[in-house]
PDB file of N, CA and C in Angstrom:
ATOM      1  N   MET A   1      66.764  65.971  75.288  1.00  0.00           N
ATOM      2  CA  MET A   1      66.675  66.037  73.690  1.00  0.00           C
ATOM      3  C   MET A   1      67.498  65.041  73.111  1.00  0.00           C
ATOM      4  N   GLU A   2      68.785  64.593  73.371  1.00  0.00           N
ATOM      5  CA  GLU A   2      69.234  63.492  72.773  1.00  0.00           C
ATOM      6  C   GLU A   2      68.556  62.380  73.007  1.00  0.00           C
ATOM      7  N   ILE A   3      68.121  62.124  73.988  1.00  0.00           N
ATOM      8  CA  ILE A   3      67.229  60.777  74.351  1.00  0.00           C
ATOM      9  C   ILE A   3      65.975  60.963  73.346  1.00  0.00           C
ATOM     10  N   GLU A   4      65.526  61.818  73.109  1.00  0.00           N
ATOM     11  CA  GLU A   4      64.224  61.802  72.299  1.00  0.00           C
ATOM     12  C   GLU A   4      64.689  61.863  71.090  1.00  0.00           C
ATOM     13  N   LEU A   5      65.750  62.479  70.562  1.00  0.00           N
ATOM     14  CA  LEU A   5      66.189  62.145  69.264  1.00  0.00           C
ATOM     15  C   LEU A   5      66.809  60.963  68.808  1.00  0.00           C
ATOM     16  N   ALA A   6      67.396  60.205  69.918  1.00  0.00           N
ATOM     17  CA  ALA A   6      67.623  58.609  69.721  1.00  0.00           C
ATOM     18  C   ALA A   6      66.542  57.705  69.482  1.00  0.00           C
ATOM     19  N   LYS A   7      65.190  57.988  70.258  1.00  0.00           N
ATOM     20  CA  LYS A   7      63.815  57.394  69.983  1.00  0.00           C
ATOM     21  C   LYS A   7      63.278  57.607  69.045  1.00  0.00           C
ATOM     22  N   LEU A   8      63.560  58.609  68.389  1.00  0.00           N
ATOM     23  CA  LEU A   8      62.657  59.008  66.890  1.00  0.00           C
ATOM     24  C   LEU A   8      63.415  57.774  65.733  1.00  0.00           C
ATOM     25  N   LYS A   9      62.392  57.695  64.949  1.00  0.00           N
ATOM     26  CA  LYS A   9      62.768  56.703  63.731  1.00  0.00           C
ATOM     27  C   LYS A   9      63.278  57.930  62.649  1.00  0.00           C
ATOM     28  N   ASP A  10      63.756  57.426  61.659  1.00  0.00           N
ATOM     29  CA  ASP A  10      64.261  58.039  60.558  1.00  0.00           C
ATOM     30  C   ASP A  10      63.225  58.681  59.969  1.00  0.00           C
ATOM     31  N   THR A  11      61.754  58.185  59.726  1.00  0.00           N
ATOM     32  CA  THR A  11      60.553  58.708  58.854  1.00  0.00           C
ATOM     33  C   THR A  11      60.360  59.902  59.484  1.00  0.00           C
ATOM     34  N   ASP A  12      60.409  60.258  61.032  1.00  0.00           N
ATOM     35  CA  ASP A  12      59.609  61.641  61.444  1.00  0.00           C
ATOM     36  C   ASP A  12      60.858  62.714  61.114  1.00  0.00           C
ATOM     37  N   ASN A  13      60.978  63.336  60.182  1.00  0.00           N
ATOM     38  CA  ASN A  13      62.077  64.299  59.929  1.00  0.00           C
ATOM     39  C   ASN A  13      61.697  65.782  60.548  1.00  0.00           C
ATOM     40  N   ALA A  14      60.418  65.980  60.443  1.00  0.00           N
ATOM     41  CA  ALA A  14      59.879  67.049  60.843  1.00  0.00           C
ATOM     42  C   ALA A  14      60.264  67.446  62.408  1.00  0.00           C
ATOM     43  N   LEU A  15      59.809  66.385  62.931  1.00  0.00           N
ATOM     44  CA  LEU A  15      59.999  66.407  64.736  1.00  0.00           C
ATOM     45  C   LEU A  15      61.413  66.476  64.952  1.00  0.00           C
ATOM     46  N   LYS A  16      62.249  65.530  64.226  1.00  0.00           N
ATOM     47  CA  LYS A  16      63.816  65.634  64.354  1.00  0.00           C
ATOM     48  C   LYS A  16      64.485  66.820  64.182  1.00  0.00           C
ATOM     49  N   THR A  17      63.941  67.885  63.033  1.00  0.00           N
ATOM     50  CA  THR A  17      64.448  69.064  62.685  1.00  0.00           C
ATOM     51  C   THR A  17      64.260  70.071  63.841  1.00  0.00           C
ATOM     52  N   GLU A  18      62.943  69.857  64.309  1.00  0.00           N
ATOM     53  CA  GLU A  18      62.645  70.854  65.496  1.00  0.00           C
ATOM     54  C   GLU A  18      63.570  70.460  66.858  1.00  0.00           C
ATOM     55  N   LEU A  19      63.679  69.262  66.819  1.00  0.00           N
ATOM     56  CA  LEU A  19      64.366  68.966  68.245  1.00  0.00           C
ATOM     57  C   LEU A  19      65.743  69.195  68.079  1.00  0.00           C
ATOM     58  N   LEU A  20      66.333  69.243  66.971  1.00  0.00           N
ATOM     59  CA  LEU A  20      67.727  69.773  66.507  1.00  0.00           C
ATOM     60  C   LEU A  20      67.866  71.138  66.695  1.00  0.00           C
ATOM     61  N   ALA A  21      66.905  71.785  66.220  1.00  0.00           N
ATOM     62  CA  ALA A  21      66.814  73.449  66.309  1.00  0.00           C
ATOM     63  C   ALA A  21      66.810  73.847  67.634  1.00  0.00           C
ATOM     64  N   LYS A  22      65.867  73.037  68.744  1.00  0.00           N
ATOM     65  CA  LYS A  22      65.737  73.495  70.018  1.00  0.00           C
ATOM     66  C   LYS A  22      66.976  73.196  70.765  1.00  0.00           C
ATOM     67  N   LYS A  23      67.570  72.093  70.473  1.00  0.00           N
ATOM     68  CA  LYS A  23      68.947  71.610  71.194  1.00  0.00           C
ATOM     69  C   LYS A  23      69.892  72.659  70.722  1.00  0.00           C
ATOM     70  N   SER A  24      70.247  72.975  69.380  1.00  0.00           N
ATOM     71  CA  SER A  24      71.074  73.839  69.109  1.00  0.00           C
ATOM     72  C   SER A  24      70.922  75.582  70.010  1.00  0.00           C
ATOM     73  N   ILE A  25      69.565  75.788  69.980  1.00  0.00           N
ATOM     74  CA  ILE A  25      69.120  77.179  70.877  1.00  0.00           C
ATOM     75  C   ILE A  25      69.734  76.446  72.274  1.00  0.00           C
ATOM     76  N   TYR A  26      69.443  75.636  72.662  1.00  0.00           N
ATOM     77  CA  TYR A  26      69.697  75.293  74.103  1.00  0.00           C
ATOM     78  C   TYR A  26      71.199  75.281  74.288  1.00  0.00           C
ATOM     79  N   GLU A  27      71.983  75.011  73.365  1.00  0.00           N
ATOM     80  CA  GLU A  27      73.531  74.910  73.706  1.00  0.00           C
ATOM     81  C   GLU A  27      74.080  76.309  73.405  1.00  0.00           C
ATOM     82  N   GLN A  28      73.418  77.130  72.633  1.00  0.00           N
ATOM     83  CA  GLN A  28      74.208  78.738  72.455  1.00  0.00           C
ATOM     84  C   GLN A  28      73.383  79.158  73.897  1.00  0.00           C
ATOM     85  N   GLU A  29      72.270  78.729  74.312  1.00  0.00           N
ATOM     86  CA  GLU A  29      71.912  79.556  75.610  1.00  0.00           C
ATOM     87  C   GLU A  29      73.127  79.173  76.886  1.00  0.00           C
ATOM     88  N   ILE A  30      73.306  77.932  76.891  1.00  0.00           N
ATOM     89  CA  ILE A  30      74.452  77.185  78.182  1.00  0.00           C
ATOM     90  C   ILE A  30      75.477  77.939  77.794  1.00  0.00           C
ATOM     91  N   ALA A  31      76.074  78.042  76.380  1.00  0.00           N
ATOM     92  CA  ALA A  31      77.215  78.741  76.256  1.00  0.00           C
ATOM     93  C   ALA A  31      77.228  80.004  76.620  1.00  0.00           C
ATOM     94  N   GLN A  32      76.326  80.892  76.542  1.00  0.00           N
ATOM     95  CA  GLN A  32      76.249  82.164  76.969  1.00  0.00           C
ATOM     96  C   GLN A  32      76.118  82.346  78.267  1.00  0.00           C
ATOM     97  N   TYR A  33      75.418  81.309  79.215  1.00  0.00           N
ATOM     98  CA  TYR A  33      75.277  81.523  80.412  1.00  0.00           C
ATOM     99  C   TYR A  33      76.836  81.110  81.103  1.00  0.00           C
ATOM    100  N   LYS A  34      77.521  80.355  80.503  1.00  0.00           N
ATOM    101  CA  LYS A  34      78.959  79.961  81.053  1.00  0.00           C
ATOM    102  C   LYS A  34      79.763  81.024  80.837  1.00  0.00           C
ATOM    103  N   GLN A  35      79.548  81.828  79.901  1.00  0.00           N
ATOM    104  CA  GLN A  35      80.740  83.016  79.610  1.00  0.00           C
ATOM    105  C   GLN A  35      80.144  84.261  80.520  1.00  0.00           C
ATOM    106  N   GLU A  36      78.873  84.201  80.842  1.00  0.00           N
ATOM    107  CA  GLU A  36      78.467  85.428  82.016  1.00  0.00           C
ATOM    108  C   GLU A  36      79.001  84.813  83.322  1.00  0.00           C
ATOM    109  N   GLU A  37      79.019  83.445  83.480  1.00  0.00           N
ATOM    110  CA  GLU A  37      79.324  83.062  84.994  1.00  0.00           C
ATOM    111  C   GLU A  37      80.918  83.529  84.742  1.00  0.00           C
ATOM    112  N   ILE A  38      81.595  83.260  83.922  1.00  0.00           N
ATOM    113  CA  ILE A  38      83.181  83.415  84.087  1.00  0.00           C
ATOM    114  C   ILE A  38      83.416  85.091  84.215  1.00  0.00           C
ATOM    115  N   THR A  39      82.455  85.779  83.618  1.00  0.00           N
ATOM    116  CA  THR A  39      82.438  87.131  83.773  1.00  0.00           C
ATOM    117  C   THR A  39      82.285  87.834  84.801  1.00  0.00           C
ATOM    118  N   LEU A  40      81.215  87.374  85.495  1.00  0.00           N
ATOM    119  CA  LEU A  40      80.701  87.638  86.900  1.00  0.00           C
ATOM    120  C   LEU A  40      81.748  87.102  88.137  1.00  0.00           C
ATOM    121  N   THR A  41      82.271  85.959  87.772  1.00  0.00           N
ATOM    122  CA  THR A  41      83.064  85.409  88.800  1.00  0.00           C
ATOM    123  C   THR A  41      84.295  86.602  88.850  1.00  0.00           C
ATOM    124  N   ALA A  42      84.760  86.764  87.640  1.00  0.00           N
ATOM    125  CA  ALA A  42      86.046  87.844  87.618  1.00  0.00           C
ATOM    126  C   ALA A  42      85.779  89.181  88.367  1.00  0.00           C
ATOM    127  N   LYS A  43      84.411  89.739  87.746  1.00  0.00           N
ATOM    128  CA  LYS A  43      84.074  90.837  88.647  1.00  0.00           C
ATOM    129  C   LYS A  43      84.107  90.558  90.162  1.00  0.00           C
ATOM    130  N   ALA A  44      83.380  89.523  90.589  1.00  0.00           N
ATOM    131  CA  ALA A  44      83.310  89.158  91.943  1.00  0.00           C
ATOM    132  C   ALA A  44      84.839  89.034  92.580  1.00  0.00           C
ATOM    133  N   GLN A  45      85.947  88.150  92.088  1.00  0.00           N
ATOM    134  CA  GLN A  45      87.035  88.275  92.611  1.00  0.00           C
ATOM    135  C   GLN A  45      87.601  89.840  92.898  1.00  0.00           C
ATOM    136  N   GLU A  46      87.428  90.578  91.757  1.00  0.00           N
ATOM    137  CA  GLU A  46      88.051  91.864  91.640  1.00  0.00           C
ATOM    138  C   GLU A  46      87.444  92.763  92.913  1.00  0.00           C
ATOM    139  N   ALA A  47      86.138  92.879  92.888  1.00  0.00           N
ATOM    140  CA  ALA A  47      85.255  93.265  93.882  1.00  0.00           C
ATOM    141  C   ALA A  47      85.855  92.726  95.360  1.00  0.00           C
ATOM    142  N   GLU A  48      86.265  91.476  95.491  1.00  0.00           N
ATOM    143  CA  GLU A  48      86.850  91.092  96.929  1.00  0.00           C
ATOM    144  C   GLU A  48      88.007  91.477  97.041  1.00  0.00           C
ATOM    145  N   GLN A  49      88.757  91.713  96.181  1.00  0.00           N
ATOM    146  CA  GLN A  49      90.200  92.045  96.319  1.00  0.00           C
ATOM    147  C   GLN A  49      90.204  93.773  96.926  1.00  0.00           C
ATOM    148  N   ARG A  50      89.417  94.482  96.060  1.00  0.00           N
ATOM    149  CA  ARG A  50      89.161  95.710  96.570  1.00  0.00           C
ATOM    150  C   ARG A  50      88.755  95.973  97.880  1.00  0.00           C
ATOM    151  N   HIS A  51      87.556  95.161  98.537  1.00  0.00           N
ATOM    152  CA  HIS A  51      87.289  95.196  99.627  1.00  0.00           C
ATOM    153  C   HIS A  51      88.402  94.838 100.725  1.00  0.00           C
ATOM    154  N   LEU A  52      88.976  93.997 100.532  1.00  0.00           N
ATOM    155  CA  LEU A  52      90.326  93.413 101.281  1.00  0.00           C
ATOM    156  C   LEU A  52      91.178  94.911 101.510  1.00  0.00           C
ATOM    157  N   LEU A  53      91.766  95.454 100.351  1.00  0.00           N
ATOM    158  CA  LEU A  53      92.391  96.335 100.267  1.00  0.00           C
ATOM    159  C   LEU A  53      91.983  97.478 100.889  1.00  0.00           C
ATOM    160  N   THR A  54      90.688  97.820 100.631  1.00  0.00           N
ATOM    161  CA  THR A  54      89.940  98.777 101.754  1.00  0.00           C
ATOM    162  C   THR A  54      89.678  98.717 103.142  1.00  0.00           C
ATOM    163  N   LYS A  55      89.656  97.326 103.388  1.00  0.00           N
ATOM    164  CA  LYS A  55      89.746  97.147 104.829  1.00  0.00           C
ATOM    165  C   LYS A  55      90.890  97.470 105.468  1.00  0.00           C
ATOM    166  N   GLU A  56      91.975  96.866 104.874  1.00  0.00           N
ATOM    167  CA  GLU A  56      93.333  97.122 105.200  1.00  0.00           C
ATOM    168  C   GLU A  56      93.555  98.620 105.474  1.00  0.00           C
ATOM    169  N   ILE A  57      93.215  99.481 104.521  1.00  0.00           N
ATOM    170  CA  ILE A  57      93.391 100.773 104.671  1.00  0.00           C
ATOM    171  C   ILE A  57      92.642 101.316 105.770  1.00  0.00           C
ATOM    172  N   SER A  58      91.561 100.836 105.824  1.00  0.00           N
ATOM    173  CA  SER A  58      90.622 101.350 107.191  1.00  0.00           C
ATOM    174  C   SER A  58      91.214 100.989 108.357  1.00  0.00           C
ATOM    175  N   THR A  59      91.804  99.810 108.533  1.00  0.00           N
ATOM    176  CA  THR A  59      92.749  99.485 109.920  1.00  0.00           C
ATOM    177  C   THR A  59      94.079 100.674 109.940  1.00  0.00           C
ATOM    178  N   ASN A  60      94.521 100.810 108.972  1.00  0.00           N
ATOM    179  CA  ASN A  60      95.608 101.700 108.884  1.00  0.00           C
ATOM    180  C   ASN A  60      95.160 103.233 109.452  1.00  0.00           C
ATOM    181  N   PHE A  61      94.114 103.634 108.933  1.00  0.00           N
ATOM    182  CA  PHE A  61      93.670 105.060 109.511  1.00  0.00           C
ATOM    183  C   PHE A  61      93.215 104.776 111.067  1.00  0.00           C
ATOM    184  N   GLY A  62      92.763 103.893 111.356  1.00  0.00           N
ATOM    185  CA  GLY A  62      92.349 103.450 112.811  1.00  0.00           C
ATOM    186  C   GLY A  62      93.467 103.484 113.709  1.00  0.00           C
ATOM    187  N   ASN A  63      94.764 103.068 113.368  1.00  0.00           N
ATOM    188  CA  ASN A  63      95.980 102.948 114.008  1.00  0.00           C
ATOM    189  C   ASN A  63      96.495 104.378 113.991  1.00  0.00           C
ATOM    190  N   ALA A  64      96.372 104.910 112.697  1.00  0.00           N
ATOM    191  CA  ALA A  64      97.031 106.247 112.830  1.00  0.00           C
ATOM    192  C   ALA A  64      96.215 107.395 113.636  1.00  0.00           C
ATOM    193  N   LEU A  65      94.957 107.178 113.790  1.00  0.00           N
ATOM    194  CA  LEU A  65      94.258 108.018 114.878  1.00  0.00           C
ATOM    195  C   LEU A  65      94.625 107.631 116.184  1.00  0.00           C
ATOM    196  N   ILE A  66      94.998 106.359 116.484  1.00  0.00           N
ATOM    197  CA  ILE A  66      95.182 106.082 117.959  1.00  0.00           C
ATOM    198  C   ILE A  66      96.540 106.762 118.211  1.00  0.00           C
ATOM    199  N   PHE A  67      97.546 106.450 117.360  1.00  0.00           N
ATOM    200  CA  PHE A  67      99.028 107.197 117.432  1.00  0.00           C
ATOM    201  C   PHE A  67      98.915 108.845 117.904  1.00  0.00           C
ATOM    202  N   LEU A  68      97.686 109.316 117.121  1.00  0.00           N
ATOM    203  CA  LEU A  68      98.010 110.929 116.924  1.00  0.00           C
ATOM    204  C   LEU A  68      97.115 111.206 118.321  1.00  0.00           C
ATOM    205  N   GLN A  69      96.106 110.417 118.763  1.00  0.00           N
ATOM    206  CA  GLN A  69      95.487 110.824 119.970  1.00  0.00           C
ATOM    207  C   GLN A  69      96.370 110.463 121.345  1.00  0.00           C
ATOM    208  N   ILE A  70      97.333 109.639 121.365  1.00  0.00           N
ATOM    209  CA  ILE A  70      98.297 109.291 122.359  1.00  0.00           C
ATOM    210  C   ILE A  70      99.234 110.374 122.290  1.00  0.00           C
ATOM    211  N   GLY A  71      99.631 110.901 121.201  1.00  0.00           N
ATOM    212  CA  GLY A  71     100.592 112.166 121.085  1.00  0.00           C
ATOM    213  C   GLY A  71      99.936 113.331 121.502  1.00  0.00           C
ATOM    214  N   ILE A  72      98.654 113.654 121.326  1.00  0.00           N
ATOM    215  CA  ILE A  72      98.119 114.878 121.951  1.00  0.00           C
ATOM    216  C   ILE A  72      97.968 114.657 123.302  1.00  0.00           C
ATOM    217  N   LEU A  73      97.541 113.449 123.830  1.00  0.00           N
ATOM    218  CA  LEU A  73      97.332 113.291 125.460  1.00  0.00           C
ATOM    219  C   LEU A  73      98.562 113.599 126.116  1.00  0.00           C
ATOM    220  N   LEU A  74      99.807 113.091 125.569  1.00  0.00           N
ATOM    221  CA  LEU A  74     100.814 113.237 126.150  1.00  0.00           C
ATOM    222  C   LEU A  74     101.564 114.845 126.045  1.00  0.00           C
ATOM    223  N   SER A  75     101.111 115.299 125.003  1.00  0.00           N
ATOM    224  CA  SER A  75     101.411 116.635 124.860  1.00  0.00           C
ATOM    225  C   SER A  75     100.611 117.679 125.974  1.00  0.00           C
ATOM    226  N   SER A  76      99.230 117.258 126.077  1.00  0.00           N
ATOM    227  CA  SER A  76      98.589 117.814 127.214  1.00  0.00           C
ATOM    228  C   SER A  76      98.896 117.526 128.586  1.00  0.00           C
ATOM    229  N   LEU A  77      99.501 116.327 128.661  1.00  0.00           N
ATOM    230  CA  LEU A  77      99.928 115.969 129.997  1.00  0.00           C
ATOM    231  C   LEU A  77     101.415 116.635 130.136  1.00  0.00           C
ATOM    232  N   THR A  78     102.043 117.037 129.478  1.00  0.00           N
ATOM    233  CA  THR A  78     103.150 117.954 129.535  1.00  0.00           C
ATOM    234  C   THR A  78     102.836 119.354 130.153  1.00  0.00           C
ATOM    235  N   THR A  79     101.867 119.923 129.296  1.00  0.00           N
ATOM    236  CA  THR A  79     101.599 121.106 129.705  1.00  0.00           C
ATOM    237  C   THR A  79     100.909 121.115 131.349  1.00  0.00           C
ATOM    238  N   LEU A  80     100.144 120.221 131.754  1.00  0.00           N
ATOM    239  CA  LEU A  80      99.909 119.955 133.368  1.00  0.00           C
ATOM    240  C   LEU A  80     101.021 119.669 134.171  1.00  0.00           C
ATOM    241  N   SER A  81     101.948 118.775 133.765  1.00  0.00           N
ATOM    242  CA  SER A  81     102.719 118.441 134.618  1.00  0.00           C
ATOM    243  C   SER A  81     104.209 119.037 134.643  1.00  0.00           C
ATOM    244  N   LYS A  82     104.324 119.926 133.660  1.00  0.00           N
ATOM    245  CA  LYS A  82     105.712 120.430 133.332  1.00  0.00           C
ATOM    246  C   LYS A  82     106.839 119.587 133.074  1.00  0.00           C
ATOM    247  N   ILE A  83     106.508 118.416 132.726  1.00  0.00           N
ATOM    248  CA  ILE A  83     107.770 117.494 132.520  1.00  0.00           C
ATOM    249  C   ILE A  83     107.930 117.275 131.037  1.00  0.00           C
ATOM    250  N   LYS A  84     109.192 117.838 130.455  1.00  0.00           N
ATOM    251  CA  LYS A  84     109.399 117.804 129.036  1.00  0.00           C
ATOM    252  C   LYS A  84     109.382 116.493 128.486  1.00  0.00           C
ATOM    253  N   TYR A  85     109.635 115.064 129.220  1.00  0.00           N
ATOM    254  CA  TYR A  85     110.049 113.800 128.551  1.00  0.00           C
ATOM    255  C   TYR A  85     108.659 113.518 128.258  1.00  0.00           C
ATOM    256  N   TYR A  86     107.366 114.105 128.695  1.00  0.00           N
ATOM    257  CA  TYR A  86     106.088 113.336 127.929  1.00  0.00           C
ATOM    258  C   TYR A  86     105.844 114.064 126.458  1.00  0.00           C
ATOM    259  N   TRP A  87     106.445 115.232 126.430  1.00  0.00           N
ATOM    260  CA  TRP A  87     106.287 115.950 125.062  1.00  0.00           C
ATOM    261  C   TRP A  87     107.245 115.307 124.275  1.00  0.00           C
ATOM    262  N   TYR A  88     108.535 114.870 124.423  1.00  0.00           N
ATOM    263  CA  TYR A  88     109.454 114.229 123.673  1.00  0.00           C
ATOM    264  C   TYR A  88     108.490 112.940 123.026  1.00  0.00           C
ATOM    265  N   ILE A  89     108.006 111.990 123.863  1.00  0.00           N
ATOM    266  CA  ILE A  89     107.459 110.896 123.553  1.00  0.00           C
ATOM    267  C   ILE A  89     106.117 111.257 122.813  1.00  0.00           C
ATOM    268  N   GLY A  90     105.216 111.988 123.164  1.00  0.00           N
ATOM    269  CA  GLY A  90     104.145 112.583 122.551  1.00  0.00           C
ATOM    270  C   GLY A  90     104.405 112.893 120.822  1.00  0.00           C
ATOM    271  N   SER A  91     105.458 113.635 120.798  1.00  0.00           N
ATOM    272  CA  SER A  91     106.050 114.136 119.361  1.00  0.00           C
ATOM    273  C   SER A  91     106.269 113.086 118.647  1.00  0.00           C
ATOM    274  N   ILE A  92     107.054 111.978 119.257  1.00  0.00           N
ATOM    275  CA  ILE A  92     107.375 110.688 118.458  1.00  0.00           C
ATOM    276  C   ILE A  92     105.901 109.904 117.998  1.00  0.00           C
ATOM    277  N   SER A  93     105.258 109.805 119.064  1.00  0.00           N
ATOM    278  CA  SER A  93     103.807 109.294 118.806  1.00  0.00           C
ATOM    279  C   SER A  93     102.844 109.722 117.687  1.00  0.00           C
ATOM    280  N   GLY A  94     103.097 111.407 117.665  1.00  0.00           N
ATOM    281  CA  GLY A  94     102.387 111.992 116.818  1.00  0.00           C
ATOM    282  C   GLY A  94     102.966 111.882 115.349  1.00  0.00           C
ATOM    283  N   ILE A  95     104.227 111.960 115.357  1.00  0.00           N
ATOM    284  CA  ILE A  95     105.084 111.372 113.791  1.00  0.00           C
ATOM    285  C   ILE A  95     104.953 110.121 113.286  1.00  0.00           C
ATOM    286  N   ILE A  96     104.815 109.293 114.180  1.00  0.00           N
ATOM    287  CA  ILE A  96     104.260 108.009 113.767  1.00  0.00           C
ATOM    288  C   ILE A  96     102.897 107.938 113.296  1.00  0.00           C
ATOM    289  N   GLY A  97     102.047 108.406 114.001  1.00  0.00           N
ATOM    290  CA  GLY A  97     100.621 108.526 113.639  1.00  0.00           C
ATOM    291  C   GLY A  97     100.462 109.393 112.232  1.00  0.00           C
ATOM    292  N   PHE A  98     101.252 110.454 112.242  1.00  0.00           N
ATOM    293  CA  PHE A  98     101.202 111.177 111.089  1.00  0.00           C
ATOM    294  C   PHE A  98     101.777 110.392 109.814  1.00  0.00           C
ATOM    295  N   SER A  99     102.634 109.727 109.921  1.00  0.00           N
ATOM    296  CA  SER A  99     103.281 108.787 108.791  1.00  0.00           C
ATOM    297  C   SER A  99     102.573 107.655 108.607  1.00  0.00           C
ATOM    298  N   ILE A 100     101.849 107.266 109.372  1.00  0.00           N
ATOM    299  CA  ILE A 100     100.904 106.009 109.063  1.00  0.00           C
ATOM    300  C   ILE A 100      99.605 106.535 108.464  1.00  0.00           C
ATOM    301  N   PHE A 101      99.223 107.840 108.955  1.00  0.00           N
ATOM    302  CA  PHE A 101      98.006 108.333 108.182  1.00  0.00           C
ATOM    303  C   PHE A 101      98.490 108.753 106.840  1.00  0.00           C
ATOM    304  N   ILE A 102      99.605 109.395 106.324  1.00  0.00           N
ATOM    305  CA  ILE A 102      99.698 109.758 104.926  1.00  0.00           C
ATOM    306  C   ILE A 102     100.055 108.289 104.020  1.00  0.00           C
ATOM    307  N   THR A 103     100.879 107.483 104.811  1.00  0.00           N
ATOM    308  CA  THR A 103     100.885 106.239 103.902  1.00  0.00           C
ATOM    309  C   THR A 103      99.336 105.311 103.463  1.00  0.00           C
ATOM    310  N   SER A 104      98.609 105.478 104.465  1.00  0.00           N
ATOM    311  CA  SER A 104      97.384 104.817 104.472  1.00  0.00           C
ATOM    312  C   SER A 104      96.732 105.913 103.205  1.00  0.00           C
ATOM    313  N   TYR A 105      96.668 107.150 103.324  1.00  0.00           N
ATOM    314  CA  TYR A 105      96.038 108.097 102.541  1.00  0.00           C
ATOM    315  C   TYR A 105      96.496 107.947 100.989  1.00  0.00           C
ATOM    316  N   TYR A 106      97.730 107.790 100.819  1.00  0.00           N
ATOM    317  CA  TYR A 106      98.561 107.632  99.534  1.00  0.00           C
ATOM    318  C   TYR A 106      98.152 106.288  98.953  1.00  0.00           C
ATOM    319  N   ARG A 107      97.898 105.276  99.522  1.00  0.00           N
ATOM    320  CA  ARG A 107      97.631 103.858  99.371  1.00  0.00           C
ATOM    321  C   ARG A 107      96.012 104.155  98.685  1.00  0.00           C
ATOM    322  N   ASN A 108      95.205 105.001  99.428  1.00  0.00           N
ATOM    323  CA  ASN A 108      93.852 105.055  99.137  1.00  0.00           C
ATOM    324  C   ASN A 108      93.676 105.651  98.096  1.00  0.00           C
ATOM    325  N   LEU A 109      94.362 106.826  97.523  1.00  0.00           N
ATOM    326  CA  LEU A 109      94.415 107.521  96.259  1.00  0.00           C
ATOM    327  C   LEU A 109      95.107 106.494  95.063  1.00  0.00           C
ATOM    328  N   THR A 110      95.926 105.590  95.364  1.00  0.00           N
ATOM    329  CA  THR A 110      96.466 104.870  94.200  1.00  0.00           C
ATOM    330  C   THR A 110      95.333 103.501  94.127  1.00  0.00           C
ATOM    331  N   MET A 111      94.494 103.484  94.910  1.00  0.00           N
ATOM    332  CA  MET A 111      93.881 101.992  94.917  1.00  0.00           C
ATOM    333  C   MET A 111      92.729 102.293  93.716  1.00  0.00           C
TER     334      MET A 111
END
């Protein structure tokens, strides 16, 4: 547009006015698109942060499940073998799993 405006002579005012009007419309659209780009970028970064937090919480739920299953396994082993030492280790494992689950659940609620 600017090149065409520079080529025009001073005598062609109607075409010059039309080009200036189009140029201002295009500049407004460019400004609008830049503003939309900033808004969409901010939303995308926020969504990415939520995704990473959700992924971390999911991993913690998986770890809690593993500890709880180990606790159940050791408690069952105590029943079969009558060795109470397994029950203590299973209880500790269950407590660890339960605490990881509660902290993950709390983080999930506050997300």
